[in-house]
C-alpha cells in the first residue's frame, strides 16, 4: 500500500495515515480481509515514528474499519460491501458531517459550491449498489 503524506502539512501525520487508509478502503483498493503493512514497516517506509502509525491504526480500529492482532497484524475489517455500519456510527457521522458543512458555511462558501464539491468527491468512492442502480427485477435500467 502506497500512502502519500505531507510531513510538514497542517494535518497531523497520524490523521493523514488514517485518512489515506479510509480513502483506499472507500475506493475499493483495500477490501475487507486485506492486510495493511505492519506498523513498524509503514513507519520506516514513511520515515515517521512507530507511535505515529500506531495512533493512526488505532483510530481505524476504534472506528471499526481495522482488526489489529499480534499474529494477523492489521487487517481491513469492513468495506462498502460489508453491509450496514455498526450501530451508532451513522449518528456520529451525521454530527461530523454537520460540523464540516458548518465550517464551509462559516468560511462563506456558497451552498451550490458545497453540493458540487460533495458530488465530485462522492464519485471517487465505491458504494454498494442500490436497487435504483441495479435496475429492476427484469434487468432493465432504472
Protein backbone atom coordinates (compact mmCIF):
# COMPACT_ATOMS: atom_id res chain seq x y z
CA UNK A 1 0.00 0.00 0.00
CA UNK A 2 1.38 3.35 -1.04
CA UNK A 3 0.46 6.24 1.24
CA UNK A 4 1.21 9.86 0.49
CA UNK A 5 1.59 12.16 3.48
CA UNK A 6 2.67 15.75 3.99
CA UNK A 7 5.11 15.68 6.93
CA UNK A 8 5.02 19.48 7.27
CA UNK A 9 1.32 19.87 6.47
CA UNK A 10 -1.30 21.28 8.85
CA UNK A 11 -2.95 17.86 9.44
CA UNK A 12 -1.22 15.61 12.00
CA UNK A 13 0.59 12.69 10.37
CA UNK A 14 -1.39 10.04 12.26
CA UNK A 15 -4.60 11.64 10.93
CA UNK A 16 -3.21 11.68 7.38
CA UNK A 17 -2.39 7.97 7.68
CA UNK A 18 -5.90 7.26 8.92
CA UNK A 19 -7.47 9.40 6.19
CA UNK A 20 -5.46 7.81 3.33
CA UNK A 21 -6.40 4.31 4.51
CA UNK A 22 -10.09 5.24 4.77
CA UNK A 23 -9.89 6.63 1.23
CA UNK A 24 -8.23 3.43 -0.03
CA UNK A 25 -11.00 1.35 1.57
CA UNK A 26 -13.70 3.63 0.15
CA UNK A 27 -12.18 3.44 -3.34
CA UNK A 28 -12.11 -0.37 -3.21
CA UNK A 29 -8.31 -0.56 -3.16
CA UNK A 30 -8.24 -2.19 0.30
CA UNK A 31 -11.21 -4.56 0.51
CA UNK A 32 -12.35 -6.27 3.70
CA UNK A 33 -9.90 -9.02 4.63
CA UNK A 34 -6.89 -7.36 3.03
CA UNK A 35 -3.78 -6.84 5.12
CA UNK A 36 -2.13 -3.50 5.72
CA UNK A 37 1.61 -3.10 6.19
CA UNK A 38 2.86 -3.86 9.71
CA UNK A 39 3.06 -0.74 11.87
CA UNK A 40 6.84 -0.81 12.11
CA UNK A 41 7.26 -1.30 8.36
CA UNK A 42 4.91 1.55 7.47
CA UNK A 43 6.72 3.79 9.96
CA UNK A 44 10.04 3.02 8.24
CA UNK A 45 8.53 3.48 4.76
CA UNK A 46 7.07 6.87 5.70
CA UNK A 47 10.03 7.96 7.80
CA UNK A 48 7.87 8.58 10.86
CA UNK A 49 7.77 7.38 14.44
CA UNK A 50 6.28 3.95 15.15
CA UNK A 51 3.82 5.53 17.62
CA UNK A 52 2.51 7.86 14.91
CA UNK A 53 1.49 4.94 12.69
CA UNK A 54 0.16 3.05 15.71
CA UNK A 55 -2.10 6.01 16.57
CA UNK A 56 -3.49 6.13 13.01
CA UNK A 57 -4.15 2.38 13.01
CA UNK A 58 -5.74 2.57 16.45
CA UNK A 59 -8.17 5.25 15.25
CA UNK A 60 -9.21 2.93 12.42
CA UNK A 61 -9.66 0.09 14.93
CA UNK A 62 -11.85 2.29 17.14
CA UNK A 63 -13.92 3.23 14.09
CA UNK A 64 -14.46 -0.45 13.27
CA UNK A 65 -12.53 -0.41 10.00
CA UNK A 66 -9.47 -2.40 11.13
CA UNK A 67 -8.83 -5.52 13.14
CA UNK A 68 -5.45 -5.50 14.88
CA UNK A 69 -3.93 -8.77 16.04
CA UNK A 70 -0.50 -9.85 17.22
CA UNK A 71 -0.30 -12.66 14.69
CA UNK A 72 -2.54 -11.37 11.90
CA UNK A 73 -1.38 -7.74 12.03
CA UNK A 74 -3.64 -5.01 10.67
CA UNK A 75 -6.47 -6.34 8.52
CA UNK A 76 -9.31 -4.34 6.96
CA UNK A 77 -12.44 -5.34 8.89
CA UNK A 78 -15.09 -3.84 6.64
CA UNK A 79 -15.60 -2.06 3.34
CA UNK A 80 -18.52 -0.71 1.30
CA UNK A 81 -19.82 -4.24 0.65
CA UNK A 82 -19.81 -5.25 4.35
CA UNK A 83 -23.41 -4.25 4.93
CA UNK A 84 -24.82 -1.50 7.11
CA UNK A 85 -22.48 0.31 9.51
CA UNK A 86 -22.20 -0.64 13.16
CA UNK A 87 -24.95 0.75 15.44
CA UNK A 88 -24.36 4.36 16.42
CA UNK A 89 -21.88 5.03 13.63
CA UNK A 90 -24.38 6.85 11.38
CA UNK A 91 -25.38 9.24 14.17
CA UNK A 92 -21.74 10.07 14.91
CA UNK A 93 -21.05 10.53 11.18
CA UNK A 94 -24.04 12.89 10.81
CA UNK A 95 -22.63 15.05 13.60
CA UNK A 96 -19.18 15.19 11.97
CA UNK A 97 -20.75 15.99 8.59
CA UNK A 98 -22.79 18.78 10.13
CA UNK A 99 -19.61 20.28 11.61
CA UNK A 100 -17.77 20.01 8.29
CA UNK A 101 -20.64 21.73 6.47
CA UNK A 102 -20.77 24.42 9.18
CA UNK A 103 -17.06 25.07 8.60
CA UNK A 104 -17.71 25.61 4.89
CA UNK A 105 -20.65 27.91 5.61
CA UNK A 106 -18.67 29.87 8.21
CA UNK A 107 -15.94 30.42 5.61
CA UNK A 108 -18.55 31.89 3.25
CA UNK A 109 -18.69 29.00 0.79
CA UNK A 110 -21.94 29.09 -1.23
CA UNK A 111 -24.25 26.10 -0.78
CA UNK A 112 -24.07 25.33 -4.51
CA UNK A 113 -20.27 25.03 -4.29
CA UNK A 114 -20.58 22.79 -1.23
CA UNK A 115 -23.00 20.49 -3.04
CA UNK A 116 -20.85 20.48 -6.18
CA UNK A 117 -17.80 19.59 -4.09
CA UNK A 118 -19.69 16.75 -2.39
CA UNK A 119 -20.85 15.37 -5.74
CA UNK A 120 -17.32 15.49 -7.16
CA UNK A 121 -15.87 13.74 -4.10
CA UNK A 122 -18.55 11.05 -3.96
CA UNK A 123 -17.67 9.94 -7.49
CA UNK A 124 -14.28 8.73 -6.22
CA UNK A 125 -15.67 6.06 -3.92
CA UNK A 126 -17.03 2.53 -4.31
CA UNK A 127 -20.56 2.42 -2.96
CA UNK A 128 -22.73 -0.68 -2.70
CA UNK A 129 -25.34 -0.90 -5.44
CA UNK A 130 -28.82 0.31 -4.55
CA UNK A 131 -32.00 -1.02 -6.06
CA UNK A 132 -32.16 2.03 -8.33
CA UNK A 133 -28.60 1.46 -9.56
CA UNK A 134 -29.06 -2.27 -10.03
CA UNK A 135 -32.19 -1.90 -12.17
CA UNK A 136 -35.50 -3.57 -11.60
CA UNK A 137 -36.15 -7.30 -11.39
CA UNK A 138 -36.26 -7.87 -15.16
CA UNK A 139 -32.79 -6.34 -15.57
CA UNK A 140 -33.76 -3.12 -17.32
CA UNK A 141 -32.04 0.07 -16.22
CA UNK A 142 -33.88 2.35 -13.80
